[in-house]
C-alpha atoms as a PDB file:
ATOM      1  CA  MET A   1       0.000   0.000   0.000  1.00  0.00           C
ATOM      2  CA  SER A   2       1.323   3.418  -0.889  1.00  0.00           C
ATOM      3  CA  ALA A   3       1.622   6.252   1.596  1.00  0.00           C
ATOM      4  CA  PRO A   4      -1.522   8.349   2.020  1.00  0.00           C
ATOM      5  CA  SER A   5      -1.582  11.736   0.360  1.00  0.00           C
ATOM      6  CA  PRO A   6      -1.206  14.875   2.471  1.00  0.00           C
ATOM      7  CA  GLU A   7      -4.747  15.797   1.349  1.00  0.00           C
ATOM      8  CA  TRP A   8      -6.117  12.550   2.815  1.00  0.00           C
ATOM      9  CA  VAL A   9      -4.217  13.070   6.079  1.00  0.00           C
ATOM     10  CA  SER A  10      -5.621  16.592   6.326  1.00  0.00           C
ATOM     11  CA  ALA A  11      -9.147  15.351   5.555  1.00  0.00           C
ATOM     12  CA  LEU A  12      -8.940  12.736   8.318  1.00  0.00           C
ATOM     13  CA  ARG A  13      -7.756  15.376  10.783  1.00  0.00           C
ATOM     14  CA  THR A  14     -10.723  17.538   9.820  1.00  0.00           C
ATOM     15  CA  MET A  15     -13.070  14.581  10.325  1.00  0.00           C
ATOM     16  CA  ARG A  16     -11.610  13.982  13.783  1.00  0.00           C
ATOM     17  CA  ARG A  17     -12.033  17.668  14.681  1.00  0.00           C
ATOM     18  CA  LEU A  18     -15.639  17.672  13.435  1.00  0.00           C
ATOM     19  CA  PHE A  19     -16.347  14.493  15.403  1.00  0.00           C
ATOM     20  CA  GLU A  20     -14.903  15.966  18.590  1.00  0.00           C
ATOM     21  CA  HIS A  21     -16.782  19.258  18.206  1.00  0.00           C
ATOM     22  CA  GLU A  22     -20.099  17.976  16.944  1.00  0.00           C
ATOM     23  CA  PRO A  23     -23.040  20.347  17.454  1.00  0.00           C
ATOM     24  CA  THR A  24     -25.543  19.501  20.126  1.00  0.00           C
ATOM     25  CA  ASP A  25     -27.941  22.389  19.482  1.00  0.00           C
ATOM     26  CA  ARG A  26     -29.271  24.477  16.578  1.00  0.00           C
ATOM     27  CA  LYS A  27     -26.994  27.405  17.460  1.00  0.00           C
ATOM     28  CA  SER A  28     -23.776  25.467  16.882  1.00  0.00           C
ATOM     29  CA  LEU A  29     -25.117  23.572  13.859  1.00  0.00           C
ATOM     30  CA  GLU A  30     -24.495  26.103  11.078  1.00  0.00           C
ATOM     31  CA  PRO A  31     -20.733  26.622  11.540  1.00  0.00           C
ATOM     32  CA  TRP A  32     -20.248  22.844  11.866  1.00  0.00           C
ATOM     33  CA  GLU A  33     -22.248  22.204   8.698  1.00  0.00           C
ATOM     34  CA  ASP A  34     -20.247  24.866   6.833  1.00  0.00           C
ATOM     35  CA  GLU A  35     -17.022  23.047   7.691  1.00  0.00           C
ATOM     36  CA  ALA A  36     -18.570  19.665   6.828  1.00  0.00           C
ATOM     37  CA  ILE A  37     -19.649  20.967   3.400  1.00  0.00           C
ATOM     38  CA  ALA A  38     -16.148  22.307   2.739  1.00  0.00           C
ATOM     39  CA  LEU A  39     -14.739  18.915   3.735  1.00  0.00           C
ATOM     40  CA  MET A  40     -17.151  17.082   1.408  1.00  0.00           C
ATOM     41  CA  ARG A  41     -15.917  19.234  -1.488  1.00  0.00           C
ATOM     42  CA  ARG A  42     -12.302  18.355  -0.602  1.00  0.00           C
ATOM     43  CA  LEU A  43     -13.159  14.665  -0.314  1.00  0.00           C
ATOM     44  CA  ARG A  44     -14.808  14.648  -3.732  1.00  0.00           C
ATOM     45  CA  SER A  45     -11.662  16.104  -5.269  1.00  0.00           C
ATOM     46  CA  ILE A  46      -9.349  13.478  -3.723  1.00  0.00           C
ATOM     47  CA  GLN A  47     -11.722  10.517  -3.810  1.00  0.00           C
ATOM     48  CA  ALA A  48     -10.684   9.340  -7.284  1.00  0.00           C
ATOM     49  CA  SER A  49      -8.071   7.002  -5.834  1.00  0.00           C
ATOM     50  CA  PHE A  50     -10.267   5.273  -3.258  1.00  0.00           C
ATOM     51  CA  ASP A  51     -13.863   4.439  -2.359  1.00  0.00           C
ATOM     52  CA  LEU A  52     -15.166   6.396   0.593  1.00  0.00           C
ATOM     53  CA  GLU A  53     -17.715   4.505   2.644  1.00  0.00           C
ATOM     54  CA  GLU A  54     -21.285   5.767   2.809  1.00  0.00           C
ATOM     55  CA  ILE A  55     -21.048   6.239   6.580  1.00  0.00           C
ATOM     56  CA  VAL A  56     -18.722   9.192   6.018  1.00  0.00           C
ATOM     57  CA  TRP A  57     -21.146  10.981   3.703  1.00  0.00           C
ATOM     58  CA  HIS A  58     -24.104  10.254   6.003  1.00  0.00           C
ATOM     59  CA  TYR A  59     -22.213  11.471   9.037  1.00  0.00           C
ATOM     60  CA  LEU A  60     -21.256  14.720   7.329  1.00  0.00           C
ATOM     61  CA  ILE A  61     -24.782  15.505   6.112  1.00  0.00           C
ATOM     62  CA  ASP A  62     -26.882  14.270   9.060  1.00  0.00           C
ATOM     63  CA  ALA A  63     -25.816  16.697  11.804  1.00  0.00           C
ATOM     64  CA  ASP A  64     -29.249  18.305  11.897  1.00  0.00           C
ATOM     65  CA  ILE A  65     -30.862  14.908  12.510  1.00  0.00           C
ATOM     66  CA  ARG A  66     -28.350  14.077  15.262  1.00  0.00           C
ATOM     67  CA  VAL A  67     -29.188  17.363  17.007  1.00  0.00           C
ATOM     68  CA  LYS A  68     -32.880  16.401  17.065  1.00  0.00           C
ATOM     69  CA  ASP A  69     -32.616  12.665  17.771  1.00  0.00           C
ATOM     70  CA  ALA A  70     -30.309  11.465  20.569  1.00  0.00           C
ATOM     71  CA  ASP A  71     -30.705   7.764  19.693  1.00  0.00           C
ATOM     72  CA  TYR A  72     -29.787   8.401  16.065  1.00  0.00           C
ATOM     73  CA  ARG A  73     -26.893  10.570  17.210  1.00  0.00           C
ATOM     74  CA  GLN A  74     -25.475   7.827  19.416  1.00  0.00           C
ATOM     75  CA  ALA A  75     -25.861   5.098  16.784  1.00  0.00           C
ATOM     76  CA  GLN A  76     -24.354   7.151  13.987  1.00  0.00           C
ATOM     77  CA  ARG A  77     -21.472   8.386  16.128  1.00  0.00           C
ATOM     78  CA  GLU A  78     -20.580   4.820  17.134  1.00  0.00           C
ATOM     79  CA  VAL A  79     -20.438   3.627  13.524  1.00  0.00           C
ATOM     80  CA  PHE A  80     -18.555   6.706  12.300  1.00  0.00           C
ATOM     81  CA  GLU A  81     -16.065   6.618  15.163  1.00  0.00           C
ATOM     82  CA  SER A  82     -15.303   2.969  14.427  1.00  0.00           C
ATOM     83  CA  TRP A  83     -14.644   3.849  10.777  1.00  0.00           C
ATOM     84  CA  LEU A  84     -12.552   6.883  11.768  1.00  0.00           C
ATOM     85  CA  LEU A  85     -10.425   4.871  14.188  1.00  0.00           C
ATOM     86  CA  ASP A  86      -9.749   2.285  11.474  1.00  0.00           C
ATOM     87  CA  ALA A  87      -8.757   5.036   9.027  1.00  0.00           C
ATOM     88  CA  GLU A  88      -6.464   6.631  11.613  1.00  0.00           C
ATOM     89  CA  ARG A  89      -4.838   3.264  12.378  1.00  0.00           C
ATOM     90  CA  ALA A  90      -4.201   2.792   8.667  1.00  0.00           C
ATOM     91  CA  LEU A  91      -2.412   6.158   8.666  1.00  0.00           C
ATOM     92  CA  GLU A  92      -0.205   5.033  11.527  1.00  0.00           C
ATOM     93  CA  ALA A  93       0.678   1.885   9.599  1.00  0.00           C
ATOM     94  CA  HIS A  94       1.416   3.864   6.413  1.00  0.00           C
ATOM     95  CA  PRO A  95       2.442   7.411   7.366  1.00  0.00           C
ATOM     96  CA  ALA A  96       2.224  10.121   4.740  1.00  0.00           C
ATOM     97  CA  GLU A  97       5.347  11.036   2.892  1.00  0.00           C
ATOM     98  CA  PRO A  98       6.813  14.379   3.938  1.00  0.00           C
ATOM     99  CA  GLU A  99       6.139  17.258   1.588  1.00  0.00           C
ATOM    100  CA  ALA A 100       8.970  18.378  -0.664  1.00  0.00           C
ATOM    101  CA  GLY A 101      11.390  20.632   1.157  1.00  0.00           C
ATOM    102  CA  SER A 102      10.441  19.350   4.600  1.00  0.00           C
ATOM    103  CA  ARG A 103      12.395  16.089   4.610  1.00  0.00           C
ATOM    104  CA  SER A 104      14.543  15.519   7.627  1.00  0.00           C
ATOM    105  CA  THR A 105      18.263  15.294   7.124  1.00  0.00           C
ATOM    106  CA  ASN A 106      19.335  13.338  10.108  1.00  0.00           C
ATOM    107  CA  ASN A 107      23.080  13.502   9.593  1.00  0.00           C
ATOM    108  CA  THR A 108      24.740  11.498  12.313  1.00  0.00           C
ATOM    109  CA  SER A 109      28.215  11.411  10.801  1.00  0.00           C
ATOM    110  CA  ARG A 110      30.955  13.306  12.613  1.00  0.00           C
END
């Protein structure tokens, strides 16, 4: 398996941040949804190289339902968190390649 792209790493970090700061009321819903929509646009542009599971799309578009329905919120969060943890573990197993110009030069010769 090849190293994940920096775009994918960034997208997963955004998903984690959205998950950790999920809205619980109507007041906090709009800014969260704005960020989720921006993330969906990014995901569509990088998705060509992989299939993104439906749970991701549902999670990103269903925030308004989760605000209204605590049972749905709990069930959807459990499924999405499981997917997110698996994706994060895959990153740990295959870290992204450093961007050009930021490679470490660990010169230990004396």
